Amino acid sequence: MSGRVQVMNAVTASLVVAACIFAGGLAGLYLHRILPQHHLTKETQDVIRLGTGMLSVLASLVLGLLIATSKSSYDSTDRAVRSYAAELALLNEILRDYGGGASVPRDLLRSYTEGLLQDVWPKDGERTAVLEDDKTRLLLEHVRETIRALKPIDTGQKSLQDRAIDININLLRERWLLIEQQGPSVQRVVLVILVSWVTVIFASFGVYAPRNSTVVLTFLICSLAIGGAIFLILEMDRPLDGVMQISSWPLRNVLSYMNW
């Protein structure tokens, strides 16, 4: 599935949510017309307000929790990418300090960084981020093999070789952590339950609201605002894709240093 398609899916989902909530408000306005008068007494209104207040608190808590969860996932991936870029830069510096004998693993490391950039941030933008590309993974493993094959001539080079191997192993581990973090952190069933609650709340608002265009416009604006919140949740839950994609600058910056 391409990145553009996934963005459209998030936009579509947020518009569907807004439409459901707005329809709930309009349904409440219609119910006021057809309900018998004894269902519209002040006592009934007080009970509905109590129930709506409870639902409003629950919906606010769940919405805040979903936003916090997706933002935490987004920030965690962002920190992981920056940490990964720092490890790549450090490995490149160590291989540079080793000397000309480490030119082969340095070239492979540069090729790996270029491949990783293309996998996660494709230039054409027509596909989603891919972290599990076997060709790119094999490049990183080949870097480790060539580092192990180095022939240090003194204790200094031996120390640099050992340190480079440790960093390479860390890169392999962090790569798998990034892959495992890409699953959804927000369950769709929770979103469905939240939207159903908010729809009921808007319907209760409509039952006792005045019948005029200002009320309808207010319902529309609030519905779109909640739909926008759902869009943010869905986008932040996909930190390597979509309109809120994490910046590729850390890795591109590292690659520019590797080309020196």
Protein backbone atom coordinates (compact mmCIF):
# COMPACT_ATOMS: atom_id res chain seq x y z
CA MET A 1 0.00 0.00 0.00
CA SER A 2 1.46 3.40 -0.97
CA GLY A 3 2.02 6.24 1.47
CA ARG A 4 -0.56 8.37 -0.33
CA VAL A 5 -3.18 5.67 -0.01
CA GLN A 6 -2.55 5.39 3.72
CA VAL A 7 -2.89 9.16 4.11
CA MET A 8 -6.18 9.00 2.24
CA ASN A 9 -7.31 6.21 4.55
CA ALA A 10 -6.59 8.38 7.59
CA VAL A 11 -8.43 11.33 6.03
CA THR A 12 -11.36 9.11 5.09
CA ALA A 13 -11.55 7.64 8.59
CA SER A 14 -11.53 11.09 10.19
CA LEU A 15 -14.27 12.32 7.82
CA VAL A 16 -16.38 9.23 8.57
CA VAL A 17 -15.97 9.91 12.29
CA ALA A 18 -16.99 13.55 11.82
CA ALA A 19 -20.01 12.48 9.72
CA CYS A 20 -21.15 9.96 12.37
CA ILE A 21 -20.91 12.50 15.17
CA PHE A 22 -22.65 15.21 13.13
CA ALA A 23 -25.38 12.73 12.20
CA GLY A 24 -25.83 12.00 15.91
CA GLY A 25 -26.46 15.68 16.58
CA LEU A 26 -28.96 15.91 13.72
CA ALA A 27 -30.67 12.74 14.96
CA GLY A 28 -31.10 14.41 18.34
CA LEU A 29 -32.72 17.43 16.71
CA TYR A 30 -35.11 15.13 14.86
CA LEU A 31 -35.94 13.14 18.00
CA HIS A 32 -37.13 16.30 19.69
CA ARG A 33 -39.85 16.59 17.07
CA ILE A 34 -41.16 13.04 17.35
CA LEU A 35 -40.79 12.30 21.06
CA PRO A 36 -43.95 12.59 23.18
CA GLN A 37 -44.03 15.63 25.44
CA HIS A 38 -43.70 13.59 28.65
CA HIS A 39 -40.27 12.47 27.43
CA LEU A 40 -39.11 16.08 27.29
CA THR A 41 -39.83 17.13 30.87
CA LYS A 42 -37.27 18.87 33.06
CA GLU A 43 -36.78 15.72 35.15
CA THR A 44 -36.00 13.70 32.02
CA GLN A 45 -33.65 16.42 30.86
CA ASP A 46 -31.79 16.32 34.20
CA VAL A 47 -31.31 12.54 33.97
CA ILE A 48 -30.05 12.80 30.40
CA ARG A 49 -27.64 15.54 31.38
CA LEU A 50 -26.25 13.39 34.20
CA GLY A 51 -25.72 10.46 31.85
CA THR A 52 -24.24 12.71 29.18
CA GLY A 53 -21.87 14.24 31.71
CA MET A 54 -20.60 10.82 32.72
CA LEU A 55 -20.11 9.82 29.07
CA SER A 56 -18.37 13.15 28.36
CA VAL A 57 -15.85 12.51 31.13
CA LEU A 58 -15.18 8.97 29.89
CA ALA A 59 -14.85 10.12 26.29
CA SER A 60 -12.46 12.93 27.28
CA LEU A 61 -10.28 10.53 29.25
CA VAL A 62 -10.15 7.96 26.45
CA LEU A 63 -9.46 10.60 23.78
CA GLY A 64 -6.65 12.07 25.85
CA LEU A 65 -5.24 8.59 26.47
CA LEU A 66 -5.28 7.78 22.75
CA ILE A 67 -3.54 11.03 21.86
CA ALA A 68 -0.93 10.47 24.58
CA THR A 69 -0.35 6.86 23.44
CA SER A 70 0.10 7.75 19.77
CA LYS A 71 2.32 10.75 20.65
CA SER A 72 4.45 8.53 22.89
CA SER A 73 4.86 6.03 20.04
CA TYR A 74 5.75 8.85 17.64
CA ASP A 75 8.34 10.37 19.99
CA SER A 76 9.82 6.96 20.79
CA THR A 77 10.39 6.20 17.11
CA ASP A 78 11.83 9.67 16.54
CA ARG A 79 14.35 9.17 19.36
CA ALA A 80 15.20 5.71 18.05
CA VAL A 81 15.92 7.09 14.56
CA ARG A 82 18.17 9.83 15.97
CA SER A 83 19.98 7.32 18.17
CA TYR A 84 20.44 5.02 15.19
CA ALA A 85 21.90 7.86 13.14
CA ALA A 86 24.32 8.70 15.96
CA GLU A 87 25.47 5.06 16.11
CA LEU A 88 26.07 5.05 12.35
CA ALA A 89 28.10 8.25 12.61
CA LEU A 90 30.14 6.83 15.49
CA LEU A 91 30.87 3.60 13.60
CA ASN A 92 31.97 5.60 10.58
CA GLU A 93 34.33 7.69 12.74
CA ILE A 94 35.85 4.59 14.33
CA LEU A 95 36.46 2.99 10.92
CA ARG A 96 37.98 6.24 9.70
CA ASP A 97 40.32 6.31 12.71
CA TYR A 98 41.32 2.71 12.00
CA GLY A 99 42.92 3.81 8.75
CA GLY A 100 42.90 2.86 5.09
CA GLY A 101 42.55 -0.82 5.90
CA ALA A 102 38.92 -0.19 6.91
CA SER A 103 37.93 1.35 3.59
CA VAL A 104 35.86 -1.70 2.56
CA PRO A 105 33.59 -1.74 5.65
CA ARG A 106 33.28 2.06 5.41
CA ASP A 107 32.10 1.80 1.81
CA LEU A 108 29.62 -0.92 2.80
CA LEU A 109 28.39 1.20 5.71
CA ARG A 110 27.81 4.10 3.33
CA SER A 111 25.89 1.83 0.95
CA TYR A 112 23.82 0.53 3.87
CA THR A 113 22.93 4.08 4.97
CA GLU A 114 21.90 5.00 1.43
CA GLY A 115 19.75 1.86 1.20
CA LEU A 116 18.14 2.55 4.56
CA LEU A 117 17.24 6.07 3.49
CA GLN A 118 15.64 4.78 0.31
CA ASP A 119 13.74 2.08 2.20
CA VAL A 120 12.28 4.35 4.87
CA TRP A 121 12.07 7.64 2.95
CA PRO A 122 11.61 6.67 -0.73
CA LYS A 123 12.13 9.58 -3.10
CA ASP A 124 9.07 8.78 -5.21
CA GLY A 125 6.78 8.71 -2.16
CA GLU A 126 4.68 6.01 -3.82
CA ARG A 127 5.21 3.32 -1.20
CA THR A 128 5.31 3.02 2.56
CA ALA A 129 8.42 2.74 4.69
CA VAL A 130 10.11 -0.67 4.58
CA LEU A 131 12.43 -1.63 7.43
CA GLU A 132 12.56 -5.37 6.74
CA ASP A 133 14.31 -5.25 3.37
CA ASP A 134 16.59 -8.31 3.21
CA LYS A 135 19.08 -6.69 0.84
CA THR A 136 19.67 -3.79 3.23
CA ARG A 137 19.89 -6.12 6.24
CA LEU A 138 22.50 -8.26 4.51
CA LEU A 139 24.57 -5.15 3.82
CA LEU A 140 24.74 -4.39 7.55
CA GLU A 141 25.70 -7.97 8.32
CA HIS A 142 28.36 -7.80 5.61
CA VAL A 143 29.76 -4.70 7.35
CA ARG A 144 30.23 -6.79 10.49
CA GLU A 145 31.93 -9.59 8.56
CA THR A 146 34.41 -7.23 6.90
CA ILE A 147 35.19 -5.58 10.26
CA ARG A 148 35.94 -8.99 11.76
CA ALA A 149 38.19 -9.75 8.79
CA LEU A 150 40.41 -6.72 9.51
CA LYS A 151 44.02 -7.43 10.51
CA PRO A 152 44.98 -4.95 13.26
CA ILE A 153 48.71 -4.28 13.53
CA ASP A 154 48.73 -2.88 17.08
CA THR A 155 46.62 -2.67 20.22
CA GLY A 156 45.11 0.63 19.10
CA GLN A 157 43.66 -0.85 15.94
CA LYS A 158 42.57 -3.95 17.86
CA SER A 159 40.64 -1.75 20.29
CA LEU A 160 39.01 0.13 17.41
CA GLN A 161 38.06 -3.16 15.74
CA ASP A 162 36.42 -4.49 18.92
CA ARG A 163 34.55 -1.23 19.42
CA ALA A 164 33.34 -1.25 15.80
CA ILE A 165 32.02 -4.81 16.17
CA ASP A 166 30.12 -3.82 19.34
CA ILE A 167 28.52 -0.83 17.59
CA ASN A 168 27.59 -2.96 14.60
CA ILE A 169 25.83 -5.44 16.90
CA ASN A 170 24.01 -2.51 18.55
CA LEU A 171 22.89 -1.32 15.12
CA LEU A 172 21.47 -4.76 14.33
CA ARG A 173 19.61 -4.83 17.64
CA GLU A 174 18.24 -1.28 17.26
CA ARG A 175 17.14 -2.09 13.72
CA TRP A 176 15.00 -4.97 14.98
CA LEU A 177 13.63 -2.76 17.76
CA LEU A 178 12.55 -0.22 15.15
CA ILE A 179 10.87 -2.97 13.15
CA GLU A 180 8.99 -4.26 16.20
CA GLN A 181 7.84 -0.75 17.14
CA GLN A 182 6.06 -0.22 13.83
CA GLY A 183 2.93 -2.14 14.82
CA PRO A 184 -0.16 -0.06 15.70
CA SER A 185 -0.19 1.21 19.28
CA VAL A 186 -3.83 2.34 19.09
CA GLN A 187 -6.43 -0.40 18.76
CA ARG A 188 -9.18 0.37 16.27
CA VAL A 189 -11.87 -1.10 18.52
CA VAL A 190 -11.09 1.61 21.09
CA LEU A 191 -11.65 4.27 18.42
CA VAL A 192 -14.98 2.70 17.47
CA ILE A 193 -16.16 2.70 21.09
CA LEU A 194 -15.02 6.29 21.56
CA VAL A 195 -16.84 7.48 18.44
CA SER A 196 -20.03 5.71 19.53
CA TRP A 197 -19.88 7.47 22.90
CA VAL A 198 -19.37 10.89 21.32
CA THR A 199 -22.20 10.23 18.84
CA VAL A 200 -24.57 9.46 21.73
CA ILE A 201 -23.42 12.64 23.51
CA PHE A 202 -24.16 14.78 20.45
CA ALA A 203 -27.54 13.10 20.02
CA SER A 204 -28.43 14.02 23.62
CA PHE A 205 -27.32 17.59 22.94
CA GLY A 206 -29.60 17.73 19.92
CA VAL A 207 -32.67 16.54 21.82
CA TYR A 208 -32.80 19.70 23.94
CA ALA A 209 -30.98 22.17 21.71
CA PRO A 210 -32.80 25.03 19.92
CA ARG A 211 -33.65 24.36 16.26
CA ASN A 212 -31.63 26.90 14.32
CA SER A 213 -28.70 27.14 11.93
CA THR A 214 -26.27 28.24 14.67
CA VAL A 215 -26.78 24.96 16.53
CA VAL A 216 -26.31 22.94 13.32
CA LEU A 217 -23.12 24.90 12.49
CA THR A 218 -21.81 24.31 16.01
CA PHE A 219 -22.44 20.57 15.65
CA LEU A 220 -20.58 20.60 12.34
CA ILE A 221 -17.54 22.47 13.66
CA CYS A 222 -17.28 20.28 16.76
CA SER A 223 -17.66 17.13 14.68
CA LEU A 224 -14.87 18.21 12.35
CA ALA A 225 -12.67 19.07 15.35
CA ILE A 226 -13.12 15.58 16.81
CA GLY A 227 -12.52 14.07 13.37
CA GLY A 228 -9.30 16.09 13.20
CA ALA A 229 -8.23 14.65 16.57
CA ILE A 230 -8.81 11.13 15.21
CA PHE A 231 -6.73 12.04 12.14
CA LEU A 232 -3.85 13.14 14.40
CA ILE A 233 -4.08 9.90 16.37
CA LEU A 234 -3.97 7.76 13.22
CA GLU A 235 -1.10 9.75 11.70
CA MET A 236 1.06 9.78 14.84
CA ASP A 237 0.49 6.03 15.11
CA ARG A 238 2.42 5.71 11.80
CA PRO A 239 5.57 7.79 12.49
CA LEU A 240 7.44 6.60 9.39
CA ASP A 241 4.60 7.28 6.95
CA GLY A 242 1.97 9.91 6.22
CA VAL A 243 1.94 13.68 6.49
CA MET A 244 3.57 13.59 9.96
CA GLN A 245 6.43 11.34 8.87
CA ILE A 246 9.55 11.61 11.00
CA SER A 247 12.28 13.68 9.35
CA SER A 248 15.04 11.89 7.47
CA TRP A 249 17.49 14.70 8.30
CA PRO A 250 19.51 12.75 10.95
CA LEU A 251 20.37 9.96 8.51
CA ARG A 252 20.95 12.33 5.59
CA ASN A 253 23.27 14.37 7.77
CA VAL A 254 25.22 11.25 8.72
CA LEU A 255 25.44 10.21 5.07
CA SER A 256 26.93 13.58 4.15
CA TYR A 257 29.70 13.02 6.73
CA MET A 258 30.35 9.55 5.33
CA ASN A 259 31.02 11.04 1.91
CA TRP A 260 34.00 13.05 3.18
